[in-house]
């Protein structure tokens, strides 16, 4: 549930760059992974 670790893994797996304030992150077809929706709590609290 560690936001930094999640983003680091996503960047490494996809080769996409994520910069705070300058990158729009799009999570699509999230109905396939309810844990993504649940993780929004931690993004909101720990990585606004």
ModelCIF file with pLDDT and N, C-alpha, C, O atoms, coordinates in Angstrom:
data_MODEL
#
_entry.id   MODEL 
#
_entity.id                         1 
_entity.type                       polymer 
_entity.pdbx_number_of_molecules   1 
#
_entity_poly.entity_id                      1 
_entity_poly.type                           'polypeptide(L)' 
_entity_poly.nstd_linkage                   no 
_entity_poly.nstd_monomer                   no 
_entity_poly.pdbx_seq_one_letter_code       
;(UNK)(UNK)(UNK)(UNK)(UNK)(UNK)(UNK)(UNK)(UNK)(UNK)(UNK)(UNK)(UNK)(UNK)(UNK)(UNK)
(UNK)(UNK)(UNK)(UNK)(UNK)(UNK)(UNK)(UNK)(UNK)(UNK)(UNK)(UNK)(UNK)(UNK)(UNK)(UNK)
(UNK)(UNK)(UNK)(UNK)(UNK)(UNK)(UNK)(UNK)(UNK)(UNK)(UNK)(UNK)(UNK)(UNK)(UNK)(UNK)
;
_entity_poly.pdbx_seq_one_letter_code_can   XXXXXXXXXXXXXXXXXXXXXXXXXXXXXXXXXXXXXXXXXXXXXXXX 
_entity_poly.pdbx_strand_id                 A 
#
loop_
_entity_poly_seq.entity_id 
_entity_poly_seq.num 
_entity_poly_seq.mon_id 
_entity_poly_seq.hetero 
1 1  UNK n 
1 2  UNK n 
1 3  UNK n 
1 4  UNK n 
1 5  UNK n 
1 6  UNK n 
1 7  UNK n 
1 8  UNK n 
1 9  UNK n 
1 10 UNK n 
1 11 UNK n 
1 12 UNK n 
1 13 UNK n 
1 14 UNK n 
1 15 UNK n 
1 16 UNK n 
1 17 UNK n 
1 18 UNK n 
1 19 UNK n 
1 20 UNK n 
1 21 UNK n 
1 22 UNK n 
1 23 UNK n 
1 24 UNK n 
1 25 UNK n 
1 26 UNK n 
1 27 UNK n 
1 28 UNK n 
1 29 UNK n 
1 30 UNK n 
1 31 UNK n 
1 32 UNK n 
1 33 UNK n 
1 34 UNK n 
1 35 UNK n 
1 36 UNK n 
1 37 UNK n 
1 38 UNK n 
1 39 UNK n 
1 40 UNK n 
1 41 UNK n 
1 42 UNK n 
1 43 UNK n 
1 44 UNK n 
1 45 UNK n 
1 46 UNK n 
1 47 UNK n 
1 48 UNK n 
#
_struct_asym.id          A 
_struct_asym.entity_id   1 
#
loop_
_ma_qa_metric.id 
_ma_qa_metric.mode 
_ma_qa_metric.name 
_ma_qa_metric.software_group_id 
_ma_qa_metric.type 
1 global pLDDT . pLDDT 
2 local  pLDDT . pLDDT 
#
_ma_qa_metric_global.metric_id      1 
_ma_qa_metric_global.metric_value   94.21 
_ma_qa_metric_global.model_id       1 
_ma_qa_metric_global.ordinal_id     1 
#
loop_
_ma_qa_metric_local.label_asym_id 
_ma_qa_metric_local.label_comp_id 
_ma_qa_metric_local.label_seq_id 
_ma_qa_metric_local.metric_id 
_ma_qa_metric_local.metric_value 
_ma_qa_metric_local.model_id 
_ma_qa_metric_local.ordinal_id 
A UNK 1  2 92.00 1 1  
A UNK 2  2 96.00 1 2  
A UNK 3  2 95.00 1 3  
A UNK 4  2 95.00 1 4  
A UNK 5  2 96.00 1 5  
A UNK 6  2 96.00 1 6  
A UNK 7  2 96.00 1 7  
A UNK 8  2 96.00 1 8  
A UNK 9  2 96.00 1 9  
A UNK 10 2 94.00 1 10 
A UNK 11 2 95.00 1 11 
A UNK 12 2 95.00 1 12 
A UNK 13 2 92.00 1 13 
A UNK 14 2 92.00 1 14 
A UNK 15 2 94.00 1 15 
A UNK 16 2 92.00 1 16 
A UNK 17 2 93.00 1 17 
A UNK 18 2 96.00 1 18 
A UNK 19 2 96.00 1 19 
A UNK 20 2 96.00 1 20 
A UNK 21 2 95.00 1 21 
A UNK 22 2 97.00 1 22 
A UNK 23 2 97.00 1 23 
A UNK 24 2 97.00 1 24 
A UNK 25 2 97.00 1 25 
A UNK 26 2 97.00 1 26 
A UNK 27 2 97.00 1 27 
A UNK 28 2 96.00 1 28 
A UNK 29 2 93.00 1 29 
A UNK 30 2 92.00 1 30 
A UNK 31 2 88.00 1 31 
A UNK 32 2 86.00 1 32 
A UNK 33 2 88.00 1 33 
A UNK 34 2 87.00 1 34 
A UNK 35 2 91.00 1 35 
A UNK 36 2 93.00 1 36 
A UNK 37 2 92.00 1 37 
A UNK 38 2 91.00 1 38 
A UNK 39 2 94.00 1 39 
A UNK 40 2 95.00 1 40 
A UNK 41 2 94.00 1 41 
A UNK 42 2 95.00 1 42 
A UNK 43 2 96.00 1 43 
A UNK 44 2 97.00 1 44 
A UNK 45 2 96.00 1 45 
A UNK 46 2 96.00 1 46 
A UNK 47 2 96.00 1 47 
A UNK 48 2 96.00 1 48 
#
loop_
_atom_site.group_PDB 
_atom_site.id 
_atom_site.type_symbol 
_atom_site.label_atom_id 
_atom_site.label_alt_id 
_atom_site.label_comp_id 
_atom_site.label_asym_id 
_atom_site.label_entity_id 
_atom_site.label_seq_id 
_atom_site.pdbx_PDB_ins_code 
_atom_site.Cartn_x 
_atom_site.Cartn_y 
_atom_site.Cartn_z 
_atom_site.occupancy 
_atom_site.B_iso_or_equiv 
_atom_site.pdbx_formal_charge 
_atom_site.auth_seq_id 
_atom_site.auth_comp_id 
_atom_site.auth_asym_id 
_atom_site.auth_atom_id 
_atom_site.pdbx_PDB_model_num 
ATOM 1   N N  . UNK A 1 1  ? 0.828   -1.202 0.000   1.00 92.00 ? 1  UNK A N  1 
ATOM 2   C CA . UNK A 1 1  ? 0.000   0.000  0.000   1.00 92.00 ? 1  UNK A CA 1 
ATOM 3   C C  . UNK A 1 1  ? 0.864   1.256  0.000   1.00 92.00 ? 1  UNK A C  1 
ATOM 4   O O  . UNK A 1 1  ? 0.366   2.374  0.133   1.00 92.00 ? 1  UNK A O  1 
ATOM 5   N N  . UNK A 1 2  ? 2.182   1.044  -0.154  1.00 96.00 ? 2  UNK A N  1 
ATOM 6   C CA . UNK A 1 2  ? 3.119   2.147  -0.193  1.00 96.00 ? 2  UNK A CA 1 
ATOM 7   C C  . UNK A 1 2  ? 3.065   2.797  -1.575  1.00 96.00 ? 2  UNK A C  1 
ATOM 8   O O  . UNK A 1 2  ? 3.396   2.173  -2.582  1.00 96.00 ? 2  UNK A O  1 
ATOM 9   N N  . UNK A 1 3  ? 2.643   4.059  -1.603  1.00 95.00 ? 3  UNK A N  1 
ATOM 10  C CA . UNK A 1 3  ? 2.406   4.752  -2.862  1.00 95.00 ? 3  UNK A CA 1 
ATOM 11  C C  . UNK A 1 3  ? 3.685   4.882  -3.687  1.00 95.00 ? 3  UNK A C  1 
ATOM 12  O O  . UNK A 1 3  ? 3.673   4.639  -4.894  1.00 95.00 ? 3  UNK A O  1 
ATOM 13  N N  . UNK A 1 4  ? 4.787   5.266  -3.042  1.00 95.00 ? 4  UNK A N  1 
ATOM 14  C CA . UNK A 1 4  ? 6.053   5.435  -3.777  1.00 95.00 ? 4  UNK A CA 1 
ATOM 15  C C  . UNK A 1 4  ? 6.501   4.125  -4.411  1.00 95.00 ? 4  UNK A C  1 
ATOM 16  O O  . UNK A 1 4  ? 6.996   4.100  -5.537  1.00 95.00 ? 4  UNK A O  1 
ATOM 17  N N  . UNK A 1 5  ? 6.321   3.051  -3.675  1.00 96.00 ? 5  UNK A N  1 
ATOM 18  C CA . UNK A 1 5  ? 6.730   1.740  -4.210  1.00 96.00 ? 5  UNK A CA 1 
ATOM 19  C C  . UNK A 1 5  ? 5.847   1.339  -5.392  1.00 96.00 ? 5  UNK A C  1 
ATOM 20  O O  . UNK A 1 5  ? 6.340   0.819  -6.392  1.00 96.00 ? 5  UNK A O  1 
ATOM 21  N N  . UNK A 1 6  ? 4.525   1.587  -5.270  1.00 96.00 ? 6  UNK A N  1 
ATOM 22  C CA . UNK A 1 6  ? 3.601   1.271  -6.371  1.00 96.00 ? 6  UNK A CA 1 
ATOM 23  C C  . UNK A 1 6  ? 4.014   2.031  -7.631  1.00 96.00 ? 6  UNK A C  1 
ATOM 24  O O  . UNK A 1 6  ? 4.110   1.444  -8.709  1.00 96.00 ? 6  UNK A O  1 
ATOM 25  N N  . UNK A 1 7  ? 4.259   3.337  -7.496  1.00 96.00 ? 7  UNK A N  1 
ATOM 26  C CA . UNK A 1 7  ? 4.615   4.153  -8.655  1.00 96.00 ? 7  UNK A CA 1 
ATOM 27  C C  . UNK A 1 7  ? 5.962   3.740  -9.239  1.00 96.00 ? 7  UNK A C  1 
ATOM 28  O O  . UNK A 1 7  ? 6.141   3.720  -10.457 1.00 96.00 ? 7  UNK A O  1 
ATOM 29  N N  . UNK A 1 8  ? 6.911   3.407  -8.355  1.00 96.00 ? 8  UNK A N  1 
ATOM 30  C CA . UNK A 1 8  ? 8.224   2.963  -8.838  1.00 96.00 ? 8  UNK A CA 1 
ATOM 31  C C  . UNK A 1 8  ? 8.091   1.683  -9.665  1.00 96.00 ? 8  UNK A C  1 
ATOM 32  O O  . UNK A 1 8  ? 8.693   1.557  -10.731 1.00 96.00 ? 8  UNK A O  1 
ATOM 33  N N  . UNK A 1 9  ? 7.295   0.735  -9.161  1.00 96.00 ? 9  UNK A N  1 
ATOM 34  C CA . UNK A 1 9  ? 7.081   -0.514 -9.896  1.00 96.00 ? 9  UNK A CA 1 
ATOM 35  C C  . UNK A 1 9  ? 6.407   -0.260 -11.247 1.00 96.00 ? 9  UNK A C  1 
ATOM 36  O O  . UNK A 1 9  ? 6.783   -0.854 -12.257 1.00 96.00 ? 9  UNK A O  1 
ATOM 37  N N  . UNK A 1 10 ? 5.401   0.633  -11.254 1.00 94.00 ? 10 UNK A N  1 
ATOM 38  C CA . UNK A 1 10 ? 4.706   0.943  -12.501 1.00 94.00 ? 10 UNK A CA 1 
ATOM 39  C C  . UNK A 1 10 ? 5.645   1.591  -13.520 1.00 94.00 ? 10 UNK A C  1 
ATOM 40  O O  . UNK A 1 10 ? 5.607   1.265  -14.706 1.00 94.00 ? 10 UNK A O  1 
ATOM 41  N N  . UNK A 1 11 ? 6.490   2.515  -13.042 1.00 95.00 ? 11 UNK A N  1 
ATOM 42  C CA . UNK A 1 11 ? 7.432   3.181  -13.955 1.00 95.00 ? 11 UNK A CA 1 
ATOM 43  C C  . UNK A 1 11 ? 8.437   2.186  -14.535 1.00 95.00 ? 11 UNK A C  1 
ATOM 44  O O  . UNK A 1 11 ? 8.746   2.229  -15.726 1.00 95.00 ? 11 UNK A O  1 
ATOM 45  N N  . UNK A 1 12 ? 8.947   1.286  -13.683 1.00 95.00 ? 12 UNK A N  1 
ATOM 46  C CA . UNK A 1 12 ? 9.930   0.307  -14.153 1.00 95.00 ? 12 UNK A CA 1 
ATOM 47  C C  . UNK A 1 12 ? 9.306   -0.666 -15.148 1.00 95.00 ? 12 UNK A C  1 
ATOM 48  O O  . UNK A 1 12 ? 9.921   -1.009 -16.158 1.00 95.00 ? 12 UNK A O  1 
ATOM 49  N N  . UNK A 1 13 ? 8.069   -1.114 -14.858 1.00 92.00 ? 13 UNK A N  1 
ATOM 50  C CA . UNK A 1 13 ? 7.419   -2.115 -15.713 1.00 92.00 ? 13 UNK A CA 1 
ATOM 51  C C  . UNK A 1 13 ? 6.995   -1.532 -17.053 1.00 92.00 ? 13 UNK A C  1 
ATOM 52  O O  . UNK A 1 13 ? 7.007   -2.232 -18.066 1.00 92.00 ? 13 UNK A O  1 
ATOM 53  N N  . UNK A 1 14 ? 6.616   -0.241 -17.068 1.00 92.00 ? 14 UNK A N  1 
ATOM 54  C CA . UNK A 1 14 ? 6.060   0.346  -18.294 1.00 92.00 ? 14 UNK A CA 1 
ATOM 55  C C  . UNK A 1 14 ? 7.030   1.254  -19.041 1.00 92.00 ? 14 UNK A C  1 
ATOM 56  O O  . UNK A 1 14 ? 6.826   1.566  -20.214 1.00 92.00 ? 14 UNK A O  1 
ATOM 57  N N  . UNK A 1 15 ? 8.083   1.674  -18.350 1.00 94.00 ? 15 UNK A N  1 
ATOM 58  C CA . UNK A 1 15 ? 9.017   2.610  -18.979 1.00 94.00 ? 15 UNK A CA 1 
ATOM 59  C C  . UNK A 1 15 ? 8.475   4.016  -19.082 1.00 94.00 ? 15 UNK A C  1 
ATOM 60  O O  . UNK A 1 15 ? 9.017   4.833  -19.825 1.00 94.00 ? 15 UNK A O  1 
ATOM 61  N N  . UNK A 1 16 ? 7.403   4.319  -18.342 1.00 92.00 ? 16 UNK A N  1 
ATOM 62  C CA . UNK A 1 16 ? 6.792   5.650  -18.401 1.00 92.00 ? 16 UNK A CA 1 
ATOM 63  C C  . UNK A 1 16 ? 7.301   6.515  -17.242 1.00 92.00 ? 16 UNK A C  1 
ATOM 64  O O  . UNK A 1 16 ? 7.496   6.026  -16.130 1.00 92.00 ? 16 UNK A O  1 
ATOM 65  N N  . UNK A 1 17 ? 7.508   7.783  -17.515 1.00 93.00 ? 17 UNK A N  1 
ATOM 66  C CA . UNK A 1 17 ? 8.004   8.719  -16.511 1.00 93.00 ? 17 UNK A CA 1 
ATOM 67  C C  . UNK A 1 17 ? 6.832   9.342  -15.763 1.00 93.00 ? 17 UNK A C  1 
ATOM 68  O O  . UNK A 1 17 ? 5.830   9.712  -16.374 1.00 93.00 ? 17 UNK A O  1 
ATOM 69  N N  . UNK A 1 18 ? 6.953   9.459  -14.452 1.00 96.00 ? 18 UNK A N  1 
ATOM 70  C CA . UNK A 1 18 ? 5.912   10.091 -13.628 1.00 96.00 ? 18 UNK A CA 1 
ATOM 71  C C  . UNK A 1 18 ? 6.556   11.181 -12.781 1.00 96.00 ? 18 UNK A C  1 
ATOM 72  O O  . UNK A 1 18 ? 7.409   10.902 -11.939 1.00 96.00 ? 18 UNK A O  1 
ATOM 73  N N  . UNK A 1 19 ? 6.140   12.425 -13.009 1.00 96.00 ? 19 UNK A N  1 
ATOM 74  C CA . UNK A 1 19 ? 6.673   13.567 -12.276 1.00 96.00 ? 19 UNK A CA 1 
ATOM 75  C C  . UNK A 1 19 ? 5.516   14.247 -11.546 1.00 96.00 ? 19 UNK A C  1 
ATOM 76  O O  . UNK A 1 19 ? 4.511   14.578 -12.176 1.00 96.00 ? 19 UNK A O  1 
ATOM 77  N N  . UNK A 1 20 ? 5.632   14.464 -10.225 1.00 96.00 ? 20 UNK A N  1 
ATOM 78  C CA . UNK A 1 20 ? 4.556   15.131 -9.480  1.00 96.00 ? 20 UNK A CA 1 
ATOM 79  C C  . UNK A 1 20 ? 4.175   16.458 -10.130 1.00 96.00 ? 20 UNK A C  1 
ATOM 80  O O  . UNK A 1 20 ? 5.043   17.206 -10.578 1.00 96.00 ? 20 UNK A O  1 
ATOM 81  N N  . UNK A 1 21 ? 2.883   16.745 -10.179 1.00 95.00 ? 21 UNK A N  1 
ATOM 82  C CA . UNK A 1 21 ? 2.298   17.979 -10.718 1.00 95.00 ? 21 UNK A CA 1 
ATOM 83  C C  . UNK A 1 21 ? 2.356   18.069 -12.250 1.00 95.00 ? 21 UNK A C  1 
ATOM 84  O O  . UNK A 1 21 ? 1.525   18.751 -12.849 1.00 95.00 ? 21 UNK A O  1 
ATOM 85  N N  . UNK A 1 22 ? 3.323   17.393 -12.896 1.00 97.00 ? 22 UNK A N  1 
ATOM 86  C CA . UNK A 1 22 ? 3.526   17.563 -14.331 1.00 97.00 ? 22 UNK A CA 1 
ATOM 87  C C  . UNK A 1 22 ? 3.041   16.371 -15.165 1.00 97.00 ? 22 UNK A C  1 
ATOM 88  O O  . UNK A 1 22 ? 2.921   16.474 -16.385 1.00 97.00 ? 22 UNK A O  1 
ATOM 89  N N  . UNK A 1 23 ? 2.764   15.247 -14.508 1.00 97.00 ? 23 UNK A N  1 
ATOM 90  C CA . UNK A 1 23 ? 2.305   14.042 -15.208 1.00 97.00 ? 23 UNK A CA 1 
ATOM 91  C C  . UNK A 1 23 ? 0.860   13.744 -14.823 1.00 97.00 ? 23 UNK A C  1 
ATOM 92  O O  . UNK A 1 23 ? 0.520   13.759 -13.640 1.00 97.00 ? 23 UNK A O  1 
ATOM 93  N N  . UNK A 1 24 ? 0.019   13.478 -15.797 1.00 97.00 ? 24 UNK A N  1 
ATOM 94  C CA . UNK A 1 24 ? -1.324  12.967 -15.504 1.00 97.00 ? 24 UNK A CA 1 
ATOM 95  C C  . UNK A 1 24 ? -1.257  11.450 -15.507 1.00 97.00 ? 24 UNK A C  1 
ATOM 96  O O  . UNK A 1 24 ? -0.907  10.839 -16.517 1.00 97.00 ? 24 UNK A O  1 
ATOM 97  N N  . UNK A 1 25 ? -1.592  10.846 -14.379 1.00 97.00 ? 25 UNK A N  1 
ATOM 98  C CA . UNK A 1 25 ? -1.612  9.389  -14.268 1.00 97.00 ? 25 UNK A CA 1 
ATOM 99  C C  . UNK A 1 25 ? -3.025  8.910  -14.559 1.00 97.00 ? 25 UNK A C  1 
ATOM 100 O O  . UNK A 1 25 ? -3.979  9.370  -13.932 1.00 97.00 ? 25 UNK A O  1 
ATOM 101 N N  . UNK A 1 26 ? -3.165  7.983  -15.513 1.00 97.00 ? 26 UNK A N  1 
ATOM 102 C CA . UNK A 1 26 ? -4.474  7.420  -15.858 1.00 97.00 ? 26 UNK A CA 1 
ATOM 103 C C  . UNK A 1 26 ? -4.466  5.930  -15.543 1.00 97.00 ? 26 UNK A C  1 
ATOM 104 O O  . UNK A 1 26 ? -3.688  5.173  -16.123 1.00 97.00 ? 26 UNK A O  1 
ATOM 105 N N  . UNK A 1 27 ? -5.328  5.510  -14.628 1.00 97.00 ? 27 UNK A N  1 
ATOM 106 C CA . UNK A 1 27 ? -5.558  4.091  -14.362 1.00 97.00 ? 27 UNK A CA 1 
ATOM 107 C C  . UNK A 1 27 ? -6.868  3.717  -15.068 1.00 97.00 ? 27 UNK A C  1 
ATOM 108 O O  . UNK A 1 27 ? -7.938  4.185  -14.678 1.00 97.00 ? 27 UNK A O  1 
ATOM 109 N N  . UNK A 1 28 ? -6.785  2.882  -16.095 1.00 96.00 ? 28 UNK A N  1 
ATOM 110 C CA . UNK A 1 28 ? -7.959  2.539  -16.903 1.00 96.00 ? 28 UNK A CA 1 
ATOM 111 C C  . UNK A 1 28 ? -8.399  1.106  -16.635 1.00 96.00 ? 28 UNK A C  1 
ATOM 112 O O  . UNK A 1 28 ? -7.598  0.254  -16.251 1.00 96.00 ? 28 UNK A O  1 
ATOM 113 N N  . UNK A 1 29 ? -9.703  0.857  -16.848 1.00 93.00 ? 29 UNK A N  1 
ATOM 114 C CA . UNK A 1 29 ? -10.328 -0.452 -16.600 1.00 93.00 ? 29 UNK A CA 1 
ATOM 115 C C  . UNK A 1 29 ? -10.080 -0.902 -15.152 1.00 93.00 ? 29 UNK A C  1 
ATOM 116 O O  . UNK A 1 29 ? -9.725  -2.051 -14.892 1.00 93.00 ? 29 UNK A O  1 
ATOM 117 N N  . UNK A 1 30 ? -10.279 0.043  -14.219 1.00 92.00 ? 30 UNK A N  1 
ATOM 118 C CA . UNK A 1 30 ? -9.982  -0.251 -12.808 1.00 92.00 ? 30 UNK A CA 1 
ATOM 119 C C  . UNK A 1 30 ? -10.981 -1.219 -12.191 1.00 92.00 ? 30 UNK A C  1 
ATOM 120 O O  . UNK A 1 30 ? -10.746 -1.754 -11.107 1.00 92.00 ? 30 UNK A O  1 
ATOM 121 N N  . UNK A 1 31 ? -12.107 -1.446 -12.886 1.00 88.00 ? 31 UNK A N  1 
ATOM 122 C CA . UNK A 1 31 ? -13.052 -2.434 -12.350 1.00 88.00 ? 31 UNK A CA 1 
ATOM 123 C C  . UNK A 1 31 ? -12.423 -3.828 -12.310 1.00 88.00 ? 31 UNK A C  1 
ATOM 124 O O  . UNK A 1 31 ? -12.897 -4.705 -11.589 1.00 88.00 ? 31 UNK A O  1 
ATOM 125 N N  . UNK A 1 32 ? -11.346 -4.030 -13.091 1.00 86.00 ? 32 UNK A N  1 
ATOM 126 C CA . UNK A 1 32 ? -10.657 -5.325 -13.112 1.00 86.00 ? 32 UNK A CA 1 
ATOM 127 C C  . UNK A 1 32 ? -9.763  -5.513 -11.888 1.00 86.00 ? 32 UNK A C  1 
ATOM 128 O O  . UNK A 1 32 ? -9.293  -6.620 -11.629 1.00 86.00 ? 32 UNK A O  1 
ATOM 129 N N  . UNK A 1 33 ? -9.526  -4.440 -11.136 1.00 88.00 ? 33 UNK A N  1 
ATOM 130 C CA . UNK A 1 33 ? -8.623  -4.517 -9.983  1.00 88.00 ? 33 UNK A CA 1 
ATOM 131 C C  . UNK A 1 33 ? -9.124  -3.607 -8.867  1.00 88.00 ? 33 UNK A C  1 
ATOM 132 O O  . UNK A 1 33 ? -8.690  -2.459 -8.765  1.00 88.00 ? 33 UNK A O  1 
ATOM 133 N N  . UNK A 1 34 ? -10.032 -4.104 -8.031  1.00 87.00 ? 34 UNK A N  1 
ATOM 134 C CA . UNK A 1 34 ? -10.596 -3.274 -6.953  1.00 87.00 ? 34 UNK A CA 1 
ATOM 135 C C  . UNK A 1 34 ? -9.534  -2.681 -6.021  1.00 87.00 ? 34 UNK A C  1 
ATOM 136 O O  . UNK A 1 34 ? -9.771  -1.645 -5.401  1.00 87.00 ? 34 UNK A O  1 
ATOM 137 N N  . UNK A 1 35 ? -8.360  -3.327 -5.915  1.00 91.00 ? 35 UNK A N  1 
ATOM 138 C CA . UNK A 1 35 ? -7.304  -2.801 -5.038  1.00 91.00 ? 35 UNK A CA 1 
ATOM 139 C C  . UNK A 1 35 ? -6.798  -1.439 -5.518  1.00 91.00 ? 35 UNK A C  1 
ATOM 140 O O  . UNK A 1 35 ? -6.301  -0.639 -4.725  1.00 91.00 ? 35 UNK A O  1 
ATOM 141 N N  . UNK A 1 36 ? -6.930  -1.183 -6.824  1.00 93.00 ? 36 UNK A N  1 
ATOM 142 C CA . UNK A 1 36 ? -6.535  0.128  -7.349  1.00 93.00 ? 36 UNK A CA 1 
ATOM 143 C C  . UNK A 1 36 ? -7.434  1.208  -6.756  1.00 93.00 ? 36 UNK A C  1 
ATOM 144 O O  . UNK A 1 36 ? -6.963  2.252  -6.305  1.00 93.00 ? 36 UNK A O  1 
ATOM 145 N N  . UNK A 1 37 ? -8.746  0.934  -6.766  1.00 92.00 ? 37 UNK A N  1 
ATOM 146 C CA . UNK A 1 37 ? -9.697  1.905  -6.205  1.00 92.00 ? 37 UNK A CA 1 
ATOM 147 C C  . UNK A 1 37 ? -9.402  2.118  -4.726  1.00 92.00 ? 37 UNK A C  1 
ATOM 148 O O  . UNK A 1 37 ? -9.404  3.251  -4.245  1.00 92.00 ? 37 UNK A O  1 
ATOM 149 N N  . UNK A 1 38 ? -9.148  1.029  -4.004  1.00 91.00 ? 38 UNK A N  1 
ATOM 150 C CA . UNK A 1 38 ? -8.850  1.125  -2.576  1.00 91.00 ? 38 UNK A CA 1 
ATOM 151 C C  . UNK A 1 38 ? -7.580  1.938  -2.324  1.00 91.00 ? 38 UNK A C  1 
ATOM 152 O O  . UNK A 1 38 ? -7.490  2.655  -1.328  1.00 91.00 ? 38 UNK A O  1 
ATOM 153 N N  . UNK A 1 39 ? -6.594  1.829  -3.230  1.00 94.00 ? 39 UNK A N  1 
ATOM 154 C CA . UNK A 1 39 ? -5.312  2.520  -3.032  1.00 94.00 ? 39 UNK A CA 1 
ATOM 155 C C  . UNK A 1 39 ? -5.456  4.040  -3.142  1.00 94.00 ? 39 UNK A C  1 
ATOM 156 O O  . UNK A 1 39 ? -4.561  4.774  -2.723  1.00 94.00 ? 39 UNK A O  1 
ATOM 157 N N  . UNK A 1 40 ? -6.568  4.516  -3.698  1.00 95.00 ? 40 UNK A N  1 
ATOM 158 C CA . UNK A 1 40 ? -6.746  5.963  -3.825  1.00 95.00 ? 40 UNK A CA 1 
ATOM 159 C C  . UNK A 1 40 ? -6.717  6.651  -2.463  1.00 95.00 ? 40 UNK A C  1 
ATOM 160 O O  . UNK A 1 40 ? -6.358  7.824  -2.368  1.00 95.00 ? 40 UNK A O  1 
ATOM 161 N N  . UNK A 1 41 ? -7.089  5.936  -1.423  1.00 94.00 ? 41 UNK A N  1 
ATOM 162 C CA . UNK A 1 41 ? -7.034  6.472  -0.052  1.00 94.00 ? 41 UNK A CA 1 
ATOM 163 C C  . UNK A 1 41 ? -5.607  6.892  0.291   1.00 94.00 ? 41 UNK A C  1 
ATOM 164 O O  . UNK A 1 41 ? -5.380  7.951  0.876   1.00 94.00 ? 41 UNK A O  1 
ATOM 165 N N  . UNK A 1 42 ? -4.648  6.039  -0.085  1.00 95.00 ? 42 UNK A N  1 
ATOM 166 C CA . UNK A 1 42 ? -3.260  6.292  0.275   1.00 95.00 ? 42 UNK A CA 1 
ATOM 167 C C  . UNK A 1 42 ? -2.632  7.339  -0.646  1.00 95.00 ? 42 UNK A C  1 
ATOM 168 O O  . UNK A 1 42 ? -1.773  8.110  -0.219  1.00 95.00 ? 42 UNK A O  1 
ATOM 169 N N  . UNK A 1 43 ? -3.061  7.361  -1.906  1.00 96.00 ? 43 UNK A N  1 
ATOM 170 C CA . UNK A 1 43 ? -2.600  8.428  -2.792  1.00 96.00 ? 43 UNK A CA 1 
ATOM 171 C C  . UNK A 1 43 ? -3.090  9.787  -2.284  1.00 96.00 ? 43 UNK A C  1 
ATOM 172 O O  . UNK A 1 43 ? -2.355  10.774 -2.299  1.00 96.00 ? 43 UNK A O  1 
ATOM 173 N N  . UNK A 1 44 ? -4.330  9.814  -1.841  1.00 97.00 ? 44 UNK A N  1 
ATOM 174 C CA . UNK A 1 44 ? -4.916  11.066 -1.343  1.00 97.00 ? 44 UNK A CA 1 
ATOM 175 C C  . UNK A 1 44 ? -4.201  11.545 -0.081  1.00 97.00 ? 44 UNK A C  1 
ATOM 176 O O  . UNK A 1 44 ? -3.881  12.727 0.048   1.00 97.00 ? 44 UNK A O  1 
ATOM 177 N N  . UNK A 1 45 ? -3.952  10.625 0.845   1.00 96.00 ? 45 UNK A N  1 
ATOM 178 C CA . UNK A 1 45 ? -3.385  11.002 2.145   1.00 96.00 ? 45 UNK A CA 1 
ATOM 179 C C  . UNK A 1 45 ? -1.871  11.229 2.088   1.00 96.00 ? 45 UNK A C  1 
ATOM 180 O O  . UNK A 1 45 ? -1.356  12.153 2.716   1.00 96.00 ? 45 UNK A O  1 
ATOM 181 N N  . UNK A 1 46 ? -1.156  10.379 1.330   1.00 96.00 ? 46 UNK A N  1 
ATOM 182 C CA . UNK A 1 46 ? 0.307   10.365 1.397   1.00 96.00 ? 46 UNK A CA 1 
ATOM 183 C C  . UNK A 1 46 ? 1.015   10.947 0.183   1.00 96.00 ? 46 UNK A C  1 
ATOM 184 O O  . UNK A 1 46 ? 2.213   11.223 0.232   1.00 96.00 ? 46 UNK A O  1 
ATOM 185 N N  . UNK A 1 47 ? 0.269   11.137 -0.919  1.00 96.00 ? 47 UNK A N  1 
ATOM 186 C CA . UNK A 1 47 ? 0.929   11.645 -2.127  1.00 96.00 ? 47 UNK A CA 1 
ATOM 187 C C  . UNK A 1 47 ? 0.005   12.560 -2.925  1.00 96.00 ? 47 UNK A C  1 
ATOM 188 O O  . UNK A 1 47 ? -0.254  12.304 -4.101  1.00 96.00 ? 47 UNK A O  1 
ATOM 189 N N  . UNK A 1 48 ? -0.499  13.634 -2.289  1.00 96.00 ? 48 UNK A N  1 
ATOM 190 C CA . UNK A 1 48 ? -1.449  14.515 -2.992  1.00 96.00 ? 48 UNK A CA 1 
ATOM 191 C C  . UNK A 1 48 ? -0.815  15.271 -4.154  1.00 96.00 ? 48 UNK A C  1 
ATOM 192 O O  . UNK A 1 48 ? -1.494  16.044 -4.830  1.00 96.00 ? 48 UNK A O  1 
#
